[in-house]
C-alpha atoms as a PDB file:
ATOM      1  CA  UNK A   1      42.685  30.450  30.679  1.00  0.00           C
ATOM      2  CA  UNK A   2      42.947  26.974  30.777  1.00  0.00           C
ATOM      3  CA  UNK A   3      42.880  26.558  27.073  1.00  0.00           C
ATOM      4  CA  UNK A   4      45.781  28.613  26.804  1.00  0.00           C
ATOM      5  CA  UNK A   5      47.897  26.555  29.427  1.00  0.00           C
ATOM      6  CA  UNK A   6      46.834  23.778  27.936  1.00  0.00           C
ATOM      7  CA  UNK A   7      47.619  24.418  24.734  1.00  0.00           C
ATOM      8  CA  UNK A   8      51.142  26.461  26.055  1.00  0.00           C
ATOM      9  CA  UNK A   9      51.670  22.692  27.439  1.00  0.00           C
ATOM     10  CA  UNK A  10      51.056  20.764  24.159  1.00  0.00           C
ATOM     11  CA  UNK A  11      53.464  23.313  22.686  1.00  0.00           C
ATOM     12  CA  UNK A  12      56.227  22.175  25.189  1.00  0.00           C
ATOM     13  CA  UNK A  13      55.467  18.543  24.825  1.00  0.00           C
ATOM     14  CA  UNK A  14      55.276  18.916  21.084  1.00  0.00           C
ATOM     15  CA  UNK A  15      58.673  20.911  21.589  1.00  0.00           C
ATOM     16  CA  UNK A  16      60.169  18.075  23.428  1.00  0.00           C
ATOM     17  CA  UNK A  17      59.212  15.547  20.583  1.00  0.00           C
ATOM     18  CA  UNK A  18      60.745  17.286  18.050  1.00  0.00           C
ATOM     19  CA  UNK A  19      63.874  17.732  20.218  1.00  0.00           C
ATOM     20  CA  UNK A  20      63.608  14.055  20.900  1.00  0.00           C
ATOM     21  CA  UNK A  21      63.697  13.242  17.104  1.00  0.00           C
ATOM     22  CA  UNK A  22      65.890  16.002  16.380  1.00  0.00           C
ATOM     23  CA  UNK A  23      68.686  13.962  18.734  1.00  0.00           C
ATOM     24  CA  UNK A  24      67.685  11.017  17.152  1.00  0.00           C
ATOM     25  CA  UNK A  25      68.157  12.355  13.587  1.00  0.00           C
ATOM     26  CA  UNK A  26      71.697  13.661  14.490  1.00  0.00           C
ATOM     27  CA  UNK A  27      72.554  10.558  15.833  1.00  0.00           C
ATOM     28  CA  UNK A  28      71.639   8.664  13.126  1.00  0.00           C
ATOM     29  CA  UNK A  29      72.817  11.204  10.626  1.00  0.00           C
ATOM     30  CA  UNK A  30      76.026  10.701  12.694  1.00  0.00           C
ATOM     31  CA  UNK A  31      76.037   6.891  12.374  1.00  0.00           C
ATOM     32  CA  UNK A  32      75.926   7.165   8.439  1.00  0.00           C
ATOM     33  CA  UNK A  33      78.768   9.045   8.634  1.00  0.00           C
ATOM     34  CA  UNK A  34      80.277   7.059   9.832  1.00  0.00           C
ATOM     35  CA  UNK A  35      79.490   3.692   8.075  1.00  0.00           C
ATOM     36  CA  UNK A  36      80.838   6.274   4.691  1.00  0.00           C
ATOM     37  CA  UNK A  37      83.364   7.107   6.576  1.00  0.00           C
ATOM     38  CA  UNK A  38      84.503   3.371   6.403  1.00  0.00           C
ATOM     39  CA  UNK A  39      83.263   2.426   3.636  1.00  0.00           C
ATOM     40  CA  UNK A  40      85.484   5.061   1.944  1.00  0.00           C
ATOM     41  CA  UNK A  41      88.423   3.468   3.799  1.00  0.00           C
ATOM     42  CA  UNK A  42      87.611   0.230   2.584  1.00  0.00           C
ATOM     43  CA  UNK A  43      87.458   1.688  -1.152  1.00  0.00           C
ATOM     44  CA  UNK A  44      90.485   3.564  -0.939  1.00  0.00           C
ATOM     45  CA  UNK A  45      92.618   0.083   0.279  1.00  0.00           C
ATOM     46  CA  UNK A  46      91.128  -2.072  -2.317  1.00  0.00           C
ATOM     47  CA  UNK A  47      91.693   1.014  -4.992  1.00  0.00           C
ATOM     48  CA  UNK A  48      95.130   1.098  -4.055  1.00  0.00           C
ATOM     49  CA  UNK A  49      95.847  -3.114  -3.760  1.00  0.00           C
ATOM     50  CA  UNK A  50      93.515  -2.901  -7.816  1.00  0.00           C
ATOM     51  CA  UNK A  51      96.280  -0.024  -8.517  1.00  0.00           C
ATOM     52  CA  UNK A  52      98.781  -1.948  -7.262  1.00  0.00           C
ATOM     53  CA  UNK A  53      98.426  -4.423  -9.519  1.00  0.00           C
ATOM     54  CA  UNK A  54      97.846  -2.797 -12.689  1.00  0.00           C
ATOM     55  CA  UNK A  55     101.065  -0.893 -12.334  1.00  0.00           C
ATOM     56  CA  UNK A  56     103.138  -4.029 -12.076  1.00  0.00           C
ATOM     57  CA  UNK A  57     100.920  -5.137 -15.289  1.00  0.00           C
ATOM     58  CA  UNK A  58     101.577  -2.079 -17.122  1.00  0.00           C
ATOM     59  CA  UNK A  59     105.445  -2.289 -16.219  1.00  0.00           C
ATOM     60  CA  UNK A  60     105.607  -5.712 -17.842  1.00  0.00           C
ATOM     61  CA  UNK A  61     103.924  -4.202 -20.837  1.00  0.00           C
ATOM     62  CA  UNK A  62     105.864  -1.800 -21.057  1.00  0.00           C
ATOM     63  CA  UNK A  63     109.433  -3.945 -20.466  1.00  0.00           C
ATOM     64  CA  UNK A  64     107.861  -6.543 -23.381  1.00  0.00           C
ATOM     65  CA  UNK A  65     106.956  -3.843 -25.787  1.00  0.00           C
ATOM     66  CA  UNK A  66     110.600  -1.855 -24.932  1.00  0.00           C
ATOM     67  CA  UNK A  67     112.652  -5.130 -25.376  1.00  0.00           C
ATOM     68  CA  UNK A  68     110.788  -6.104 -28.692  1.00  0.00           C
ATOM     69  CA  UNK A  69     111.331  -3.447 -30.101  1.00  0.00           C
ATOM     70  CA  UNK A  70     115.022  -2.938 -29.319  1.00  0.00           C
ATOM     71  CA  UNK A  71     115.243  -6.299 -30.379  1.00  0.00           C
ATOM     72  CA  UNK A  72     113.760  -5.691 -34.031  1.00  0.00           C
ATOM     73  CA  UNK A  73     115.560  -2.397 -34.307  1.00  0.00           C
ATOM     74  CA  UNK A  74     118.571  -4.583 -33.237  1.00  0.00           C
ATOM     75  CA  UNK A  75     117.993  -7.103 -35.730  1.00  0.00           C
ATOM     76  CA  UNK A  76     117.088  -4.204 -38.943  1.00  0.00           C
ATOM     77  CA  UNK A  77     120.908  -2.619 -38.071  1.00  0.00           C
ATOM     78  CA  UNK A  78     122.390  -6.113 -38.202  1.00  0.00           C
ATOM     79  CA  UNK A  79     120.675  -6.753 -41.593  1.00  0.00           C
ATOM     80  CA  UNK A  80     122.003  -3.821 -43.297  1.00  0.00           C
ATOM     81  CA  UNK A  81     125.495  -3.623 -41.837  1.00  0.00           C
END
């Protein structure tokens, strides 16, 4: 009987320690998720800033190409006429 009681107490003690580990693990996972969310927010802001800069460069390149094309076509038309 005494061994059954001690085994039961050991099982209860083990259950409490596992429960404590589970709580600590859950807290650790929540902290990791919070850090990941914060990193994703920073990445989103950085990416948005980079894309805005990239968009500005692309508009400039297209504008230069368009004006060059129009100037070339204009000069060819002037030579033909």
